[in-house]
Amino acid sequence: MSEAPFGLSLDPDGEGFVLSRTGDDGVTARIPLTAADILSLTRSALALREQSLAARQAASGDVEAVLASPVREATLAREMLGGHVLLTLTSPEGDRASFALPLALAAELSAQLTELVEAPPPASISRQ
């Protein structure tokens, strides 16, 4: 069982999944989902997260709200067809997310990453 906050769980069920939510009254609602439903739900959740963060932006625009997830491992591989670099990020819990970067974007990201890593950190900024 994969427990999530607020009484939610997502569990395998045969070839699909069941999303369950237990309300304050103790009643559990169950929704059967297919693998395609899970992918759609994931995309929708990411979009809602971005909308929620955008609503919390400072009026001045000088500071941007960001929800950052810790990463235990990052791997790179060339896509079989060769047109993309596959970037896979793994969380400390072992959850993975993969992204297909066009070659030009991968090259730009590589240059930016090198610049950031080699630059000294800002002296006056602290983590909130």
Protein backbone atom coordinates (compact mmCIF):
# COMPACT_ATOMS: atom_id res chain seq x y z
CA MET A 1 0.00 0.00 0.00
CA SER A 2 1.36 3.42 -0.89
CA GLU A 3 0.02 5.79 1.74
CA ALA A 4 -0.13 9.46 0.91
CA PRO A 5 -1.10 12.40 3.12
CA PHE A 6 -4.74 13.17 3.88
CA GLY A 7 -5.93 9.55 3.95
CA LEU A 8 -5.10 8.81 0.29
CA SER A 9 -3.61 5.57 -0.98
CA LEU A 10 -2.89 4.16 -4.41
CA ASP A 11 -2.63 0.39 -4.62
CA PRO A 12 -2.09 -2.13 -7.42
CA ASP A 13 -5.24 -4.09 -8.27
CA GLY A 14 -4.78 -6.77 -10.92
CA GLU A 15 -3.74 -4.98 -14.11
CA GLY A 16 -4.86 -1.60 -12.77
CA PHE A 17 -4.86 0.42 -9.57
CA VAL A 18 -7.30 1.59 -6.91
CA LEU A 19 -7.17 5.13 -5.54
CA SER A 20 -8.72 5.19 -2.06
CA ARG A 21 -9.60 8.13 0.15
CA THR A 22 -10.89 7.85 3.68
CA GLY A 23 -12.90 10.86 4.81
CA ASP A 24 -13.19 12.35 8.29
CA ASP A 25 -16.34 10.25 8.75
CA GLY A 26 -14.32 7.03 8.23
CA VAL A 27 -16.00 6.21 4.92
CA THR A 28 -13.57 5.09 2.21
CA ALA A 29 -14.21 5.95 -1.43
CA ARG A 30 -12.44 3.75 -3.99
CA ILE A 31 -11.80 4.66 -7.63
CA PRO A 32 -10.47 2.03 -10.06
CA LEU A 33 -7.77 3.41 -12.39
CA THR A 34 -5.91 2.10 -15.44
CA ALA A 35 -2.22 2.68 -16.11
CA ALA A 36 -3.25 5.39 -18.60
CA ASP A 37 -5.37 7.02 -15.87
CA ILE A 38 -2.31 7.12 -13.59
CA LEU A 39 -0.25 8.90 -16.25
CA SER A 40 -3.06 11.41 -16.81
CA LEU A 41 -3.47 11.93 -13.06
CA THR A 42 0.28 12.53 -12.69
CA ARG A 43 0.27 15.20 -15.39
CA SER A 44 -2.80 16.86 -13.87
CA ALA A 45 -1.22 16.85 -10.40
CA LEU A 46 1.93 18.54 -11.75
CA ALA A 47 -0.15 21.22 -13.47
CA LEU A 48 -2.16 21.84 -10.30
CA ARG A 49 1.06 22.09 -8.27
CA GLU A 50 2.36 24.78 -10.65
CA GLN A 51 -0.92 26.71 -10.44
CA SER A 52 -0.81 26.52 -6.64
CA LEU A 53 2.77 27.81 -6.56
CA ALA A 54 1.94 30.62 -9.00
CA ALA A 55 -0.83 31.78 -6.68
CA ARG A 56 1.75 32.16 -3.88
CA GLN A 57 4.14 34.39 -5.82
CA ALA A 58 5.28 37.54 -4.12
CA ALA A 59 3.69 40.71 -5.48
CA SER A 60 7.12 42.22 -6.16
CA GLY A 61 8.10 39.39 -8.48
CA ASP A 62 11.61 39.29 -6.99
CA VAL A 63 11.11 35.90 -5.36
CA GLU A 64 9.67 32.79 -6.97
CA ALA A 65 8.03 29.96 -5.03
CA VAL A 66 9.56 26.60 -5.94
CA LEU A 67 8.71 23.13 -4.73
CA ALA A 68 11.97 21.21 -5.02
CA SER A 69 12.27 17.48 -4.40
CA PRO A 70 15.51 15.94 -3.14
CA VAL A 71 17.39 13.79 -5.65
CA ARG A 72 19.50 10.77 -4.65
CA GLU A 73 20.71 9.93 -8.14
CA ALA A 74 20.70 11.38 -11.64
CA THR A 75 21.48 9.37 -14.76
CA LEU A 76 21.88 10.31 -18.40
CA ALA A 77 21.46 8.10 -21.45
CA ARG A 78 21.11 8.63 -25.17
CA GLU A 79 17.66 7.79 -26.51
CA MET A 80 17.72 4.75 -28.81
CA LEU A 81 16.75 6.87 -31.82
CA GLY A 82 19.46 9.39 -30.88
CA GLY A 83 17.43 12.59 -30.96
CA HIS A 84 17.19 13.09 -27.20
CA VAL A 85 19.17 12.73 -24.00
CA LEU A 86 17.20 10.91 -21.32
CA LEU A 87 17.58 12.44 -17.85
CA THR A 88 16.32 10.24 -15.02
CA LEU A 89 16.11 11.61 -11.48
CA THR A 90 15.67 9.25 -8.52
CA SER A 91 14.34 10.39 -5.14
CA PRO A 92 15.74 9.14 -1.81
CA GLU A 93 12.69 6.83 -1.64
CA GLY A 94 13.52 5.32 -5.05
CA ASP A 95 10.80 7.08 -7.08
CA ARG A 96 11.99 7.94 -10.60
CA ALA A 97 11.06 10.61 -13.12
CA SER A 98 12.52 10.65 -16.64
CA PHE A 99 12.70 13.51 -19.10
CA ALA A 100 13.59 13.48 -22.82
CA LEU A 101 15.76 16.51 -23.57
CA PRO A 102 16.33 17.56 -27.20
CA LEU A 103 20.06 17.55 -27.96
CA ALA A 104 20.29 21.35 -28.21
CA LEU A 105 18.59 21.76 -24.83
CA ALA A 106 20.85 19.11 -23.28
CA ALA A 107 23.93 20.99 -24.56
CA GLU A 108 22.59 24.29 -23.18
CA LEU A 109 21.79 22.66 -19.84
CA SER A 110 25.28 21.16 -19.68
CA ALA A 111 26.86 24.58 -20.15
CA GLN A 112 24.59 26.18 -17.54
CA LEU A 113 25.24 23.37 -15.06
CA THR A 114 29.01 23.71 -15.47
CA GLU A 115 28.76 27.47 -14.94
CA LEU A 116 26.61 27.08 -11.80
CA VAL A 117 28.82 24.41 -10.25
CA GLU A 118 32.01 26.41 -10.86
CA ALA A 119 30.60 29.74 -9.61
CA PRO A 120 30.97 30.64 -5.93
CA PRO A 121 27.69 30.51 -4.00
CA PRO A 122 25.96 33.79 -3.11
CA ALA A 123 27.12 34.98 0.31
CA SER A 124 23.96 36.59 1.68
CA ILE A 125 21.22 34.13 0.75
CA SER A 126 19.89 31.55 3.19
CA ARG A 127 17.50 28.63 2.75
CA GLN A 128 13.97 29.28 3.96
